[in-house]
PDB file of N, CA and C in Angstrom:
ATOM      1  N   UNK A   1       5.019 -20.532-180.623  1.00  0.00           N
ATOM      2  CA  UNK A   1       4.125 -22.045-180.728  1.00  0.00           C
ATOM      3  C   UNK A   1       3.392 -21.879-179.713  1.00  0.00           C
ATOM      4  N   UNK A   2       3.554 -21.731-178.620  1.00  0.00           N
ATOM      5  CA  UNK A   2       2.844 -21.578-177.384  1.00  0.00           C
ATOM      6  C   UNK A   2       2.177 -20.407-177.067  1.00  0.00           C
ATOM      7  N   UNK A   3       2.547 -19.445-177.893  1.00  0.00           N
ATOM      8  CA  UNK A   3       1.427 -18.163-177.510  1.00  0.00           C
ATOM      9  C   UNK A   3       0.179 -18.453-177.831  1.00  0.00           C
ATOM     10  N   UNK A   4      -0.652 -19.298-178.658  1.00  0.00           N
ATOM     11  CA  UNK A   4      -1.657 -19.677-178.688  1.00  0.00           C
ATOM     12  C   UNK A   4      -2.409 -20.017-177.622  1.00  0.00           C
ATOM     13  N   UNK A   5      -1.690 -20.611-176.656  1.00  0.00           N
ATOM     14  CA  UNK A   5      -2.281 -21.343-175.905  1.00  0.00           C
ATOM     15  C   UNK A   5      -2.526 -20.636-174.559  1.00  0.00           C
ATOM     16  N   UNK A   6      -1.758 -19.348-174.625  1.00  0.00           N
ATOM     17  CA  UNK A   6      -1.871 -18.463-173.384  1.00  0.00           C
ATOM     18  C   UNK A   6      -3.217 -18.117-173.507  1.00  0.00           C
ATOM     19  N   UNK A   7      -3.301 -17.121-174.662  1.00  0.00           N
ATOM     20  CA  UNK A   7      -4.623 -16.394-174.753  1.00  0.00           C
ATOM     21  C   UNK A   7      -6.187 -17.205-174.132  1.00  0.00           C
ATOM     22  N   UNK A   8      -6.037 -18.710-174.822  1.00  0.00           N
ATOM     23  CA  UNK A   8      -6.960 -19.682-174.200  1.00  0.00           C
ATOM     24  C   UNK A   8      -6.759 -19.902-172.654  1.00  0.00           C
ATOM     25  N   UNK A   9      -5.603 -20.410-172.056  1.00  0.00           N
ATOM     26  CA  UNK A   9      -5.828 -20.340-171.009  1.00  0.00           C
ATOM     27  C   UNK A   9      -6.379 -18.899-169.975  1.00  0.00           C
ATOM     28  N   UNK A  10      -5.739 -17.982-170.778  1.00  0.00           N
ATOM     29  CA  UNK A  10      -6.394 -16.762-169.937  1.00  0.00           C
ATOM     30  C   UNK A  10      -8.093 -16.523-170.034  1.00  0.00           C
ATOM     31  N   UNK A  11      -8.593 -17.118-171.443  1.00  0.00           N
ATOM     32  CA  UNK A  11     -10.171 -16.930-171.252  1.00  0.00           C
ATOM     33  C   UNK A  11     -10.654 -17.962-170.832  1.00  0.00           C
ATOM     34  N   UNK A  12     -10.297 -19.226-170.482  1.00  0.00           N
ATOM     35  CA  UNK A  12     -10.466 -20.275-169.590  1.00  0.00           C
ATOM     36  C   UNK A  12     -10.754 -19.669-168.272  1.00  0.00           C
ATOM     37  N   UNK A  13      -9.543 -18.923-167.574  1.00  0.00           N
ATOM     38  CA  UNK A  13      -9.453 -18.965-166.285  1.00  0.00           C
ATOM     39  C   UNK A  13     -10.606 -17.361-166.223  1.00  0.00           C
ATOM     40  N   UNK A  14     -10.626 -16.615-167.180  1.00  0.00           N
ATOM     41  CA  UNK A  14     -11.523 -15.485-167.085  1.00  0.00           C
ATOM     42  C   UNK A  14     -12.936 -16.224-166.695  1.00  0.00           C
ATOM     43  N   UNK A  15     -13.338 -16.921-167.521  1.00  0.00           N
ATOM     44  CA  UNK A  15     -14.681 -17.816-167.695  1.00  0.00           C
ATOM     45  C   UNK A  15     -14.919 -18.435-166.053  1.00  0.00           C
ATOM     46  N   UNK A  16     -13.929 -19.186-165.805  1.00  0.00           N
ATOM     47  CA  UNK A  16     -13.809 -20.032-164.432  1.00  0.00           C
ATOM     48  C   UNK A  16     -14.262 -18.937-163.095  1.00  0.00           C
ATOM     49  N   UNK A  17     -13.275 -17.809-163.154  1.00  0.00           N
ATOM     50  CA  UNK A  17     -13.221 -16.779-162.134  1.00  0.00           C
ATOM     51  C   UNK A  17     -14.834 -15.805-162.547  1.00  0.00           C
ATOM     52  N   UNK A  18     -15.165 -15.511-163.517  1.00  0.00           N
ATOM     53  CA  UNK A  18     -16.440 -14.760-163.946  1.00  0.00           C
ATOM     54  C   UNK A  18     -17.738 -15.856-163.826  1.00  0.00           C
ATOM     55  N   UNK A  19     -17.355 -16.957-163.603  1.00  0.00           N
ATOM     56  CA  UNK A  19     -18.295 -17.956-163.788  1.00  0.00           C
ATOM     57  C   UNK A  19     -19.466 -17.831-165.183  1.00  0.00           C
ATOM     58  N   UNK A  20     -18.756 -18.071-166.030  1.00  0.00           N
ATOM     59  CA  UNK A  20     -19.610 -17.490-167.303  1.00  0.00           C
ATOM     60  C   UNK A  20     -20.173 -18.701-167.877  1.00  0.00           C
ATOM     61  N   UNK A  21     -21.681 -18.410-168.567  1.00  0.00           N
ATOM     62  CA  UNK A  21     -22.131 -19.569-168.755  1.00  0.00           C
ATOM     63  C   UNK A  21     -21.910 -20.414-170.104  1.00  0.00           C
ATOM     64  N   UNK A  22     -21.555 -21.774-170.279  1.00  0.00           N
ATOM     65  CA  UNK A  22     -20.750 -22.135-171.202  1.00  0.00           C
ATOM     66  C   UNK A  22     -22.222 -22.267-172.307  1.00  0.00           C
ATOM     67  N   UNK A  23     -21.759 -22.928-173.388  1.00  0.00           N
ATOM     68  CA  UNK A  23     -22.892 -22.971-174.265  1.00  0.00           C
ATOM     69  C   UNK A  23     -24.186 -24.109-174.043  1.00  0.00           C
ATOM     70  N   UNK A  24     -23.387 -25.157-173.644  1.00  0.00           N
ATOM     71  CA  UNK A  24     -24.238 -26.136-172.802  1.00  0.00           C
ATOM     72  C   UNK A  24     -25.145 -25.844-171.641  1.00  0.00           C
ATOM     73  N   UNK A  25     -24.850 -24.988-171.009  1.00  0.00           N
ATOM     74  CA  UNK A  25     -25.227 -24.409-169.493  1.00  0.00           C
ATOM     75  C   UNK A  25     -26.121 -23.646-170.266  1.00  0.00           C
ATOM     76  N   UNK A  26     -26.158 -22.851-170.893  1.00  0.00           N
ATOM     77  CA  UNK A  26     -26.996 -21.714-171.769  1.00  0.00           C
ATOM     78  C   UNK A  26     -28.137 -22.674-172.444  1.00  0.00           C
ATOM     79  N   UNK A  27     -27.860 -23.619-172.906  1.00  0.00           N
ATOM     80  CA  UNK A  27     -28.880 -24.506-173.499  1.00  0.00           C
ATOM     81  C   UNK A  27     -29.812 -25.273-172.739  1.00  0.00           C
ATOM     82  N   UNK A  28     -29.422 -25.685-171.780  1.00  0.00           N
ATOM     83  CA  UNK A  28     -29.971 -26.201-170.748  1.00  0.00           C
ATOM     84  C   UNK A  28     -30.820 -25.237-169.913  1.00  0.00           C
ATOM     85  N   UNK A  29     -30.099 -23.911-169.485  1.00  0.00           N
ATOM     86  CA  UNK A  29     -31.032 -22.855-169.068  1.00  0.00           C
ATOM     87  C   UNK A  29     -32.409 -22.623-169.362  1.00  0.00           C
ATOM     88  N   UNK A  30     -32.159 -22.644-170.716  1.00  0.00           N
ATOM     89  CA  UNK A  30     -33.356 -22.135-172.273  1.00  0.00           C
ATOM     90  C   UNK A  30     -34.310 -23.485-171.736  1.00  0.00           C
ATOM     91  N   UNK A  31     -33.497 -24.857-171.919  1.00  0.00           N
ATOM     92  CA  UNK A  31     -34.880 -25.785-171.680  1.00  0.00           C
ATOM     93  C   UNK A  31     -35.469 -25.869-170.465  1.00  0.00           C
ATOM     94  N   UNK A  32     -34.662 -25.513-169.367  1.00  0.00           N
ATOM     95  CA  UNK A  32     -35.094 -25.596-168.179  1.00  0.00           C
ATOM     96  C   UNK A  32     -36.320 -24.345-168.151  1.00  0.00           C
ATOM     97  N   UNK A  33     -35.915 -23.413-168.341  1.00  0.00           N
ATOM     98  CA  UNK A  33     -37.015 -22.340-168.571  1.00  0.00           C
ATOM     99  C   UNK A  33     -38.245 -22.425-169.400  1.00  0.00           C
ATOM    100  N   UNK A  34     -37.873 -23.000-170.560  1.00  0.00           N
ATOM    101  CA  UNK A  34     -39.061 -23.325-171.561  1.00  0.00           C
ATOM    102  C   UNK A  34     -39.991 -24.425-170.915  1.00  0.00           C
ATOM    103  N   UNK A  35     -39.586 -25.285-169.951  1.00  0.00           N
ATOM    104  CA  UNK A  35     -40.024 -26.369-169.362  1.00  0.00           C
ATOM    105  C   UNK A  35     -40.830 -25.885-167.907  1.00  0.00           C
ATOM    106  N   UNK A  36     -40.390 -24.723-167.104  1.00  0.00           N
ATOM    107  CA  UNK A  36     -40.976 -23.872-166.447  1.00  0.00           C
ATOM    108  C   UNK A  36     -42.255 -23.491-167.138  1.00  0.00           C
ATOM    109  N   UNK A  37     -42.250 -22.931-167.712  1.00  0.00           N
ATOM    110  CA  UNK A  37     -43.002 -21.992-168.732  1.00  0.00           C
ATOM    111  C   UNK A  37     -44.255 -22.641-169.033  1.00  0.00           C
ATOM    112  N   UNK A  38     -43.881 -23.820-169.834  1.00  0.00           N
ATOM    113  CA  UNK A  38     -44.894 -24.753-170.314  1.00  0.00           C
ATOM    114  C   UNK A  38     -45.724 -25.421-168.868  1.00  0.00           C
ATOM    115  N   UNK A  39     -45.241 -25.436-167.838  1.00  0.00           N
ATOM    116  CA  UNK A  39     -45.542 -25.749-166.812  1.00  0.00           C
ATOM    117  C   UNK A  39     -46.328 -24.805-165.956  1.00  0.00           C
ATOM    118  N   UNK A  40     -46.148 -23.589-166.390  1.00  0.00           N
ATOM    119  CA  UNK A  40     -46.790 -22.557-165.499  1.00  0.00           C
ATOM    120  C   UNK A  40     -46.077 -21.963-164.001  1.00  0.00           C
ATOM    121  N   UNK A  41     -44.839 -22.555-164.076  1.00  0.00           N
ATOM    122  CA  UNK A  41     -44.099 -21.937-163.137  1.00  0.00           C
ATOM    123  C   UNK A  41     -43.100 -21.210-163.034  1.00  0.00           C
ATOM    124  N   UNK A  42     -43.183 -19.901-162.239  1.00  0.00           N
ATOM    125  CA  UNK A  42     -41.756 -19.262-162.840  1.00  0.00           C
ATOM    126  C   UNK A  42     -40.506 -20.079-162.808  1.00  0.00           C
ATOM    127  N   UNK A  43     -39.584 -19.450-163.736  1.00  0.00           N
ATOM    128  CA  UNK A  43     -38.268 -20.327-163.593  1.00  0.00           C
ATOM    129  C   UNK A  43     -37.365 -19.358-162.814  1.00  0.00           C
ATOM    130  N   UNK A  44     -36.616 -19.913-161.823  1.00  0.00           N
ATOM    131  CA  UNK A  44     -35.939 -19.291-160.729  1.00  0.00           C
ATOM    132  C   UNK A  44     -34.316 -19.638-161.015  1.00  0.00           C
ATOM    133  N   UNK A  45     -34.079 -20.103-162.470  1.00  0.00           N
ATOM    134  CA  UNK A  45     -32.481 -20.435-162.674  1.00  0.00           C
ATOM    135  C   UNK A  45     -32.205 -21.732-162.064  1.00  0.00           C
ATOM    136  N   UNK A  46     -31.091 -22.218-162.385  1.00  0.00           N
ATOM    137  CA  UNK A  46     -30.516 -23.393-161.975  1.00  0.00           C
ATOM    138  C   UNK A  46     -31.074 -24.668-161.861  1.00  0.00           C
ATOM    139  N   UNK A  47     -31.746 -24.561-163.128  1.00  0.00           N
ATOM    140  CA  UNK A  47     -32.412 -26.370-163.052  1.00  0.00           C
ATOM    141  C   UNK A  47     -31.591 -27.591-163.333  1.00  0.00           C
ATOM    142  N   UNK A  48     -32.002 -28.613-163.439  1.00  0.00           N
ATOM    143  CA  UNK A  48     -31.595 -29.713-163.641  1.00  0.00           C
ATOM    144  C   UNK A  48     -30.693 -29.609-164.905  1.00  0.00           C
ATOM    145  N   UNK A  49     -31.183 -29.420-166.104  1.00  0.00           N
ATOM    146  CA  UNK A  49     -30.857 -29.404-167.565  1.00  0.00           C
ATOM    147  C   UNK A  49     -29.307 -28.107-167.398  1.00  0.00           C
ATOM    148  N   UNK A  50     -29.705 -27.088-166.668  1.00  0.00           N
ATOM    149  CA  UNK A  50     -28.777 -25.903-166.468  1.00  0.00           C
ATOM    150  C   UNK A  50     -27.537 -26.708-166.017  1.00  0.00           C
ATOM    151  N   UNK A  51     -27.831 -27.395-164.564  1.00  0.00           N
ATOM    152  CA  UNK A  51     -26.515 -28.016-163.884  1.00  0.00           C
ATOM    153  C   UNK A  51     -25.903 -28.944-164.497  1.00  0.00           C
ATOM    154  N   UNK A  52     -27.064 -29.884-165.388  1.00  0.00           N
ATOM    155  CA  UNK A  52     -26.272 -30.833-166.400  1.00  0.00           C
ATOM    156  C   UNK A  52     -25.140 -29.936-167.325  1.00  0.00           C
ATOM    157  N   UNK A  53     -25.841 -29.016-167.883  1.00  0.00           N
ATOM    158  CA  UNK A  53     -25.300 -28.444-169.122  1.00  0.00           C
ATOM    159  C   UNK A  53     -23.821 -27.767-168.607  1.00  0.00           C
ATOM    160  N   UNK A  54     -23.726 -27.410-167.206  1.00  0.00           N
ATOM    161  CA  UNK A  54     -22.596 -26.760-166.899  1.00  0.00           C
ATOM    162  C   UNK A  54     -21.748 -27.367-166.188  1.00  0.00           C
ATOM    163  N   UNK A  55     -21.797 -28.602-165.942  1.00  0.00           N
ATOM    164  CA  UNK A  55     -21.175 -29.850-165.833  1.00  0.00           C
ATOM    165  C   UNK A  55     -20.304 -30.330-167.032  1.00  0.00           C
ATOM    166  N   UNK A  56     -21.151 -30.500-168.202  1.00  0.00           N
ATOM    167  CA  UNK A  56     -20.561 -30.887-169.490  1.00  0.00           C
ATOM    168  C   UNK A  56     -19.684 -29.656-170.409  1.00  0.00           C
ATOM    169  N   UNK A  57     -20.158 -28.567-169.703  1.00  0.00           N
ATOM    170  CA  UNK A  57     -18.673 -27.402-170.440  1.00  0.00           C
ATOM    171  C   UNK A  57     -17.838 -27.542-169.473  1.00  0.00           C
ATOM    172  N   UNK A  58     -17.968 -27.952-168.068  1.00  0.00           N
ATOM    173  CA  UNK A  58     -16.195 -28.225-167.708  1.00  0.00           C
ATOM    174  C   UNK A  58     -15.743 -29.502-168.187  1.00  0.00           C
ATOM    175  N   UNK A  59     -16.537 -30.466-168.130  1.00  0.00           N
ATOM    176  CA  UNK A  59     -15.956 -31.567-169.010  1.00  0.00           C
ATOM    177  C   UNK A  59     -15.365 -30.757-170.150  1.00  0.00           C
ATOM    178  N   UNK A  60     -16.011 -30.454-171.171  1.00  0.00           N
ATOM    179  CA  UNK A  60     -15.427 -29.820-172.436  1.00  0.00           C
ATOM    180  C   UNK A  60     -14.076 -28.863-172.229  1.00  0.00           C
ATOM    181  N   UNK A  61     -14.309 -27.995-171.208  1.00  0.00           N
ATOM    182  CA  UNK A  61     -13.114 -27.510-170.929  1.00  0.00           C
ATOM    183  C   UNK A  61     -12.099 -28.128-170.363  1.00  0.00           C
ATOM    184  N   UNK A  62     -11.839 -28.978-169.629  1.00  0.00           N
ATOM    185  CA  UNK A  62     -11.169 -30.108-169.352  1.00  0.00           C
ATOM    186  C   UNK A  62     -10.416 -30.684-170.386  1.00  0.00           C
ATOM    187  N   UNK A  63     -11.116 -31.174-171.257  1.00  0.00           N
ATOM    188  CA  UNK A  63     -10.655 -31.873-172.200  1.00  0.00           C
ATOM    189  C   UNK A  63      -9.844 -31.095-173.290  1.00  0.00           C
ATOM    190  N   UNK A  64     -10.489 -29.751-173.488  1.00  0.00           N
ATOM    191  CA  UNK A  64      -9.471 -28.780-174.419  1.00  0.00           C
ATOM    192  C   UNK A  64      -8.214 -28.700-173.574  1.00  0.00           C
ATOM    193  N   UNK A  65      -8.284 -28.381-172.185  1.00  0.00           N
ATOM    194  CA  UNK A  65      -7.036 -28.223-171.666  1.00  0.00           C
ATOM    195  C   UNK A  65      -5.978 -29.403-171.823  1.00  0.00           C
ATOM    196  N   UNK A  66      -6.816 -30.300-171.549  1.00  0.00           N
ATOM    197  CA  UNK A  66      -5.685 -31.758-171.998  1.00  0.00           C
ATOM    198  C   UNK A  66      -5.236 -32.062-173.247  1.00  0.00           C
ATOM    199  N   UNK A  67      -6.151 -31.346-174.430  1.00  0.00           N
ATOM    200  CA  UNK A  67      -5.375 -31.422-175.807  1.00  0.00           C
ATOM    201  C   UNK A  67      -4.390 -30.522-175.674  1.00  0.00           C
ATOM    202  N   UNK A  68      -4.876 -28.980-175.277  1.00  0.00           N
ATOM    203  CA  UNK A  68      -3.572 -28.296-175.059  1.00  0.00           C
ATOM    204  C   UNK A  68      -2.032 -28.680-174.425  1.00  0.00           C
ATOM    205  N   UNK A  69      -2.361 -29.127-173.538  1.00  0.00           N
ATOM    206  CA  UNK A  69      -1.183 -29.981-172.446  1.00  0.00           C
ATOM    207  C   UNK A  69      -0.611 -31.143-173.525  1.00  0.00           C
ATOM    208  N   UNK A  70      -1.349 -31.913-174.165  1.00  0.00           N
ATOM    209  CA  UNK A  70      -0.870 -32.940-175.220  1.00  0.00           C
ATOM    210  C   UNK A  70       0.375 -31.813-176.395  1.00  0.00           C
ATOM    211  N   UNK A  71      -0.465 -30.935-177.116  1.00  0.00           N
ATOM    212  CA  UNK A  71      -0.374 -30.424-178.374  1.00  0.00           C
ATOM    213  C   UNK A  71       1.397 -29.829-177.827  1.00  0.00           C
ATOM    214  N   UNK A  72       1.332 -29.462-176.651  1.00  0.00           N
ATOM    215  CA  UNK A  72       2.519 -28.366-176.149  1.00  0.00           C
ATOM    216  C   UNK A  72       3.832 -29.550-175.818  1.00  0.00           C
ATOM    217  N   UNK A  73       3.101 -30.886-175.342  1.00  0.00           N
ATOM    218  CA  UNK A  73       4.119 -31.644-175.114  1.00  0.00           C
ATOM    219  C   UNK A  73       4.858 -32.270-176.342  1.00  0.00           C
ATOM    220  N   UNK A  74       4.023 -32.414-177.440  1.00  0.00           N
ATOM    221  CA  UNK A  74       4.350 -32.952-178.714  1.00  0.00           C
ATOM    222  C   UNK A  74       5.415 -31.946-179.596  1.00  0.00           C
ATOM    223  N   UNK A  75       4.889 -30.474-179.168  1.00  0.00           N
ATOM    224  CA  UNK A  75       5.832 -29.686-179.822  1.00  0.00           C
ATOM    225  C   UNK A  75       6.867 -29.347-179.058  1.00  0.00           C
ATOM    226  N   UNK A  76       7.230 -29.624-178.042  1.00  0.00           N
ATOM    227  CA  UNK A  76       8.457 -29.739-177.148  1.00  0.00           C
ATOM    228  C   UNK A  76       9.035 -31.022-177.668  1.00  0.00           C
ATOM    229  N   UNK A  77       8.797 -32.139-177.859  1.00  0.00           N
ATOM    230  CA  UNK A  77       9.399 -33.250-178.119  1.00  0.00           C
ATOM    231  C   UNK A  77       9.883 -32.933-179.869  1.00  0.00           C
ATOM    232  N   UNK A  78       9.190 -32.191-180.484  1.00  0.00           N
ATOM    233  CA  UNK A  78       9.351 -31.786-181.741  1.00  0.00           C
ATOM    234  C   UNK A  78      11.076 -30.985-181.968  1.00  0.00           C
ATOM    235  N   UNK A  79      10.869 -30.008-180.775  1.00  0.00           N
ATOM    236  CA  UNK A  79      12.025 -28.891-180.836  1.00  0.00           C
ATOM    237  C   UNK A  79      13.471 -29.507-180.199  1.00  0.00           C
ATOM    238  N   UNK A  80      13.018 -30.667-179.182  1.00  0.00           N
ATOM    239  CA  UNK A  80      14.057 -31.512-178.842  1.00  0.00           C
ATOM    240  C   UNK A  80      14.776 -32.458-180.210  1.00  0.00           C
ATOM    241  N   UNK A  81      13.813 -32.701-180.836  1.00  0.00           N
ATOM    242  CA  UNK A  81      14.229 -33.968-181.857  1.00  0.00           C
ATOM    243  C   UNK A  81      14.947 -32.963-182.812  1.00  0.00           C
ATOM    244  N   UNK A  82      14.542 -31.670-183.094  1.00  0.00           N
ATOM    245  CA  UNK A  82      15.347 -30.862-184.085  1.00  0.00           C
ATOM    246  C   UNK A  82      16.554 -30.496-183.525  1.00  0.00           C
ATOM    247  N   UNK A  83      16.592 -30.030-182.411  1.00  0.00           N
ATOM    248  CA  UNK A  83      17.752 -29.618-181.534  1.00  0.00           C
ATOM    249  C   UNK A  83      19.217 -30.647-181.644  1.00  0.00           C
ATOM    250  N   UNK A  84      18.537 -32.126-181.391  1.00  0.00           N
ATOM    251  CA  UNK A  84      19.747 -33.351-181.432  1.00  0.00           C
ATOM    252  C   UNK A  84      19.869 -33.226-182.647  1.00  0.00           C
ATOM    253  N   UNK A  85      19.262 -33.413-183.899  1.00  0.00           N
ATOM    254  CA  UNK A  85      19.743 -33.512-185.366  1.00  0.00           C
ATOM    255  C   UNK A  85      20.762 -32.170-185.712  1.00  0.00           C
ATOM    256  N   UNK A  86      20.203 -31.284-185.169  1.00  0.00           N
ATOM    257  CA  UNK A  86      21.117 -30.059-185.690  1.00  0.00           C
ATOM    258  C   UNK A  86      22.704 -30.263-184.806  1.00  0.00           C
ATOM    259  N   UNK A  87      22.628 -30.498-183.699  1.00  0.00           N
ATOM    260  CA  UNK A  87      23.917 -31.055-182.849  1.00  0.00           C
ATOM    261  C   UNK A  87      24.456 -32.251-183.734  1.00  0.00           C
ATOM    262  N   UNK A  88      24.057 -32.736-184.292  1.00  0.00           N
ATOM    263  CA  UNK A  88      24.378 -34.083-184.657  1.00  0.00           C
ATOM    264  C   UNK A  88      24.884 -33.569-186.391  1.00  0.00           C
ATOM    265  N   UNK A  89      24.338 -32.759-186.889  1.00  0.00           N
ATOM    266  CA  UNK A  89      24.588 -32.210-187.890  1.00  0.00           C
ATOM    267  C   UNK A  89      26.180 -31.520-187.863  1.00  0.00           C
ATOM    268  N   UNK A  90      25.924 -30.520-187.167  1.00  0.00           N
ATOM    269  CA  UNK A  90      27.041 -30.246-186.751  1.00  0.00           C
ATOM    270  C   UNK A  90      28.304 -30.626-186.530  1.00  0.00           C
ATOM    271  N   UNK A  91      28.692 -31.754-185.677  1.00  0.00           N
ATOM    272  CA  UNK A  91      29.357 -32.614-185.555  1.00  0.00           C
ATOM    273  C   UNK A  91      29.816 -33.284-186.954  1.00  0.00           C
ATOM    274  N   UNK A  92      28.878 -33.438-187.473  1.00  0.00           N
ATOM    275  CA  UNK A  92      29.329 -34.419-188.727  1.00  0.00           C
ATOM    276  C   UNK A  92      29.682 -33.173-189.874  1.00  0.00           C
ATOM    277  N   UNK A  93      29.248 -31.946-189.925  1.00  0.00           N
ATOM    278  CA  UNK A  93      30.216 -30.969-190.324  1.00  0.00           C
ATOM    279  C   UNK A  93      31.842 -30.716-190.251  1.00  0.00           C
ATOM    280  N   UNK A  94      31.957 -30.882-188.796  1.00  0.00           N
ATOM    281  CA  UNK A  94      33.098 -30.540-188.357  1.00  0.00           C
ATOM    282  C   UNK A  94      34.248 -31.675-188.508  1.00  0.00           C
ATOM    283  N   UNK A  95      33.276 -32.936-188.929  1.00  0.00           N
ATOM    284  CA  UNK A  95      34.037 -34.251-189.098  1.00  0.00           C
ATOM    285  C   UNK A  95      34.560 -33.731-191.057  1.00  0.00           C
ATOM    286  N   UNK A  96      33.631 -33.949-191.613  1.00  0.00           N
ATOM    287  CA  UNK A  96      33.816 -33.636-192.763  1.00  0.00           C
ATOM    288  C   UNK A  96      35.197 -32.315-193.172  1.00  0.00           C
ATOM    289  N   UNK A  97      35.009 -31.711-192.693  1.00  0.00           N
ATOM    290  CA  UNK A  97      35.865 -30.393-192.691  1.00  0.00           C
ATOM    291  C   UNK A  97      37.477 -31.066-192.140  1.00  0.00           C
ATOM    292  N   UNK A  98      37.135 -31.865-191.160  1.00  0.00           N
ATOM    293  CA  UNK A  98      38.646 -32.464-190.860  1.00  0.00           C
ATOM    294  C   UNK A  98      39.042 -33.420-191.805  1.00  0.00           C
ATOM    295  N   UNK A  99      38.213 -34.042-192.530  1.00  0.00           N
ATOM    296  CA  UNK A  99      38.557 -34.965-193.710  1.00  0.00           C
ATOM    297  C   UNK A  99      39.011 -34.456-195.143  1.00  0.00           C
ATOM    298  N   UNK A 100      38.500 -33.394-195.210  1.00  0.00           N
ATOM    299  CA  UNK A 100      38.863 -32.625-196.427  1.00  0.00           C
ATOM    300  C   UNK A 100      40.165 -31.893-195.923  1.00  0.00           C
ATOM    301  N   UNK A 101      40.088 -31.410-195.252  1.00  0.00           N
ATOM    302  CA  UNK A 101      41.591 -30.483-194.536  1.00  0.00           C
ATOM    303  C   UNK A 101      42.776 -31.613-194.891  1.00  0.00           C
ATOM    304  N   UNK A 102      42.461 -33.010-194.001  1.00  0.00           N
ATOM    305  CA  UNK A 102      43.386 -33.464-194.141  1.00  0.00           C
ATOM    306  C   UNK A 102      43.782 -34.426-195.534  1.00  0.00           C
ATOM    307  N   UNK A 103      43.066 -34.319-196.560  1.00  0.00           N
ATOM    308  CA  UNK A 103      42.807 -34.870-197.969  1.00  0.00           C
ATOM    309  C   UNK A 103      43.824 -33.568-198.432  1.00  0.00           C
ATOM    310  N   UNK A 104      43.316 -32.746-198.203  1.00  0.00           N
ATOM    311  CA  UNK A 104      44.293 -31.733-198.907  1.00  0.00           C
ATOM    312  C   UNK A 104      45.937 -31.399-198.559  1.00  0.00           C
ATOM    313  N   UNK A 105      45.608 -31.778-197.179  1.00  0.00           N
ATOM    314  CA  UNK A 105      47.305 -31.759-196.864  1.00  0.00           C
ATOM    315  C   UNK A 105      47.998 -32.746-197.407  1.00  0.00           C
ATOM    316  N   UNK A 106      47.599 -34.009-197.968  1.00  0.00           N
ATOM    317  CA  UNK A 106      48.091 -35.110-198.138  1.00  0.00           C
ATOM    318  C   UNK A 106      48.151 -34.840-199.876  1.00  0.00           C
ATOM    319  N   UNK A 107      47.345 -34.141-199.922  1.00  0.00           N
ATOM    320  CA  UNK A 107      46.962 -34.184-201.807  1.00  0.00           C
ATOM    321  C   UNK A 107      48.775 -32.850-201.999  1.00  0.00           C
ATOM    322  N   UNK A 108      48.676 -31.984-200.940  1.00  0.00           N
ATOM    323  CA  UNK A 108      49.963 -31.219-201.496  1.00  0.00           C
ATOM    324  C   UNK A 108      51.202 -31.602-201.183  1.00  0.00           C
ATOM    325  N   UNK A 109      51.259 -32.505-200.368  1.00  0.00           N
ATOM    326  CA  UNK A 109      52.333 -33.338-199.666  1.00  0.00           C
ATOM    327  C   UNK A 109      52.808 -34.218-201.213  1.00  0.00           C
ATOM    328  N   UNK A 110      51.715 -34.998-201.739  1.00  0.00           N
ATOM    329  CA  UNK A 110      52.155 -35.633-203.032  1.00  0.00           C
ATOM    330  C   UNK A 110      52.594 -34.818-204.231  1.00  0.00           C
ATOM    331  N   UNK A 111      51.852 -33.589-204.361  1.00  0.00           N
ATOM    332  CA  UNK A 111      52.299 -32.662-205.567  1.00  0.00           C
ATOM    333  C   UNK A 111      53.756 -32.134-205.138  1.00  0.00           C
ATOM    334  N   UNK A 112      54.361 -32.166-204.070  1.00  0.00           N
ATOM    335  CA  UNK A 112      55.657 -31.650-203.802  1.00  0.00           C
ATOM    336  C   UNK A 112      56.365 -32.719-204.176  1.00  0.00           C
ATOM    337  N   UNK A 113      55.998 -33.936-203.586  1.00  0.00           N
ATOM    338  CA  UNK A 113      56.855 -35.174-204.082  1.00  0.00           C
ATOM    339  C   UNK A 113      57.065 -35.188-205.661  1.00  0.00           C
ATOM    340  N   UNK A 114      55.912 -35.106-206.280  1.00  0.00           N
ATOM    341  CA  UNK A 114      55.766 -34.909-207.877  1.00  0.00           C
ATOM    342  C   UNK A 114      56.637 -34.186-208.528  1.00  0.00           C
ATOM    343  N   UNK A 115      56.541 -32.706-207.993  1.00  0.00           N
ATOM    344  CA  UNK A 115      57.459 -31.615-208.499  1.00  0.00           C
ATOM    345  C   UNK A 115      59.125 -31.753-208.058  1.00  0.00           C
ATOM    346  N   UNK A 116      59.358 -32.713-207.229  1.00  0.00           N
ATOM    347  CA  UNK A 116      60.901 -33.087-206.629  1.00  0.00           C
ATOM    348  C   UNK A 116      60.887 -33.964-207.533  1.00  0.00           C
ATOM    349  N   UNK A 117      60.137 -35.028-208.161  1.00  0.00           N
ATOM    350  CA  UNK A 117      60.560 -35.758-209.242  1.00  0.00           C
ATOM    351  C   UNK A 117      60.613 -35.540-210.207  1.00  0.00           C
ATOM    352  N   UNK A 118      60.243 -34.489-210.632  1.00  0.00           N
ATOM    353  CA  UNK A 118      60.067 -33.564-212.161  1.00  0.00           C
ATOM    354  C   UNK A 118      61.248 -32.854-212.218  1.00  0.00           C
ATOM    355  N   UNK A 119      61.316 -32.293-211.036  1.00  0.00           N
ATOM    356  CA  UNK A 119      62.580 -31.211-211.190  1.00  0.00           C
ATOM    357  C   UNK A 119      64.272 -31.824-211.995  1.00  0.00           C
ATOM    358  N   UNK A 120      64.660 -31.106-212.644  1.00  0.00           N
ATOM    359  CA  UNK A 120      65.975 -31.566-213.288  1.00  0.00           C
ATOM    360  C   UNK A 120      67.268 -31.777-212.399  1.00  0.00           C
ATOM    361  N   UNK A 121      67.971 -32.881-212.136  1.00  0.00           N
ATOM    362  CA  UNK A 121      68.790 -33.075-211.083  1.00  0.00           C
ATOM    363  C   UNK A 121      69.848 -32.401-211.516  1.00  0.00           C
TER     364      UNK A 121
END
């Protein structure tokens, strides 16, 4: 279940370490470059739209991490509920076996009493 979050976490960590550009940062850089070209100024990188995009990408990554954490917690909660249900079912199965065994013993006892009554004296 949690195996899907490990590659995602590794990808996020890799992007953070390598300072990779997210989609919003790239779009912001393109807008900044277009604006610089339109005004005849050379684009030097790290313009305001690029910085805003970088911040938005960080927000998106944090939200994705929060969703993954919440999903993991819900999966853990589901696993705990299943384990509890299994334990309760095992206990009920043991009780049912005990009841059946007691009923069989009582039936054997009654059969023996009946045979005793049927036997010629």
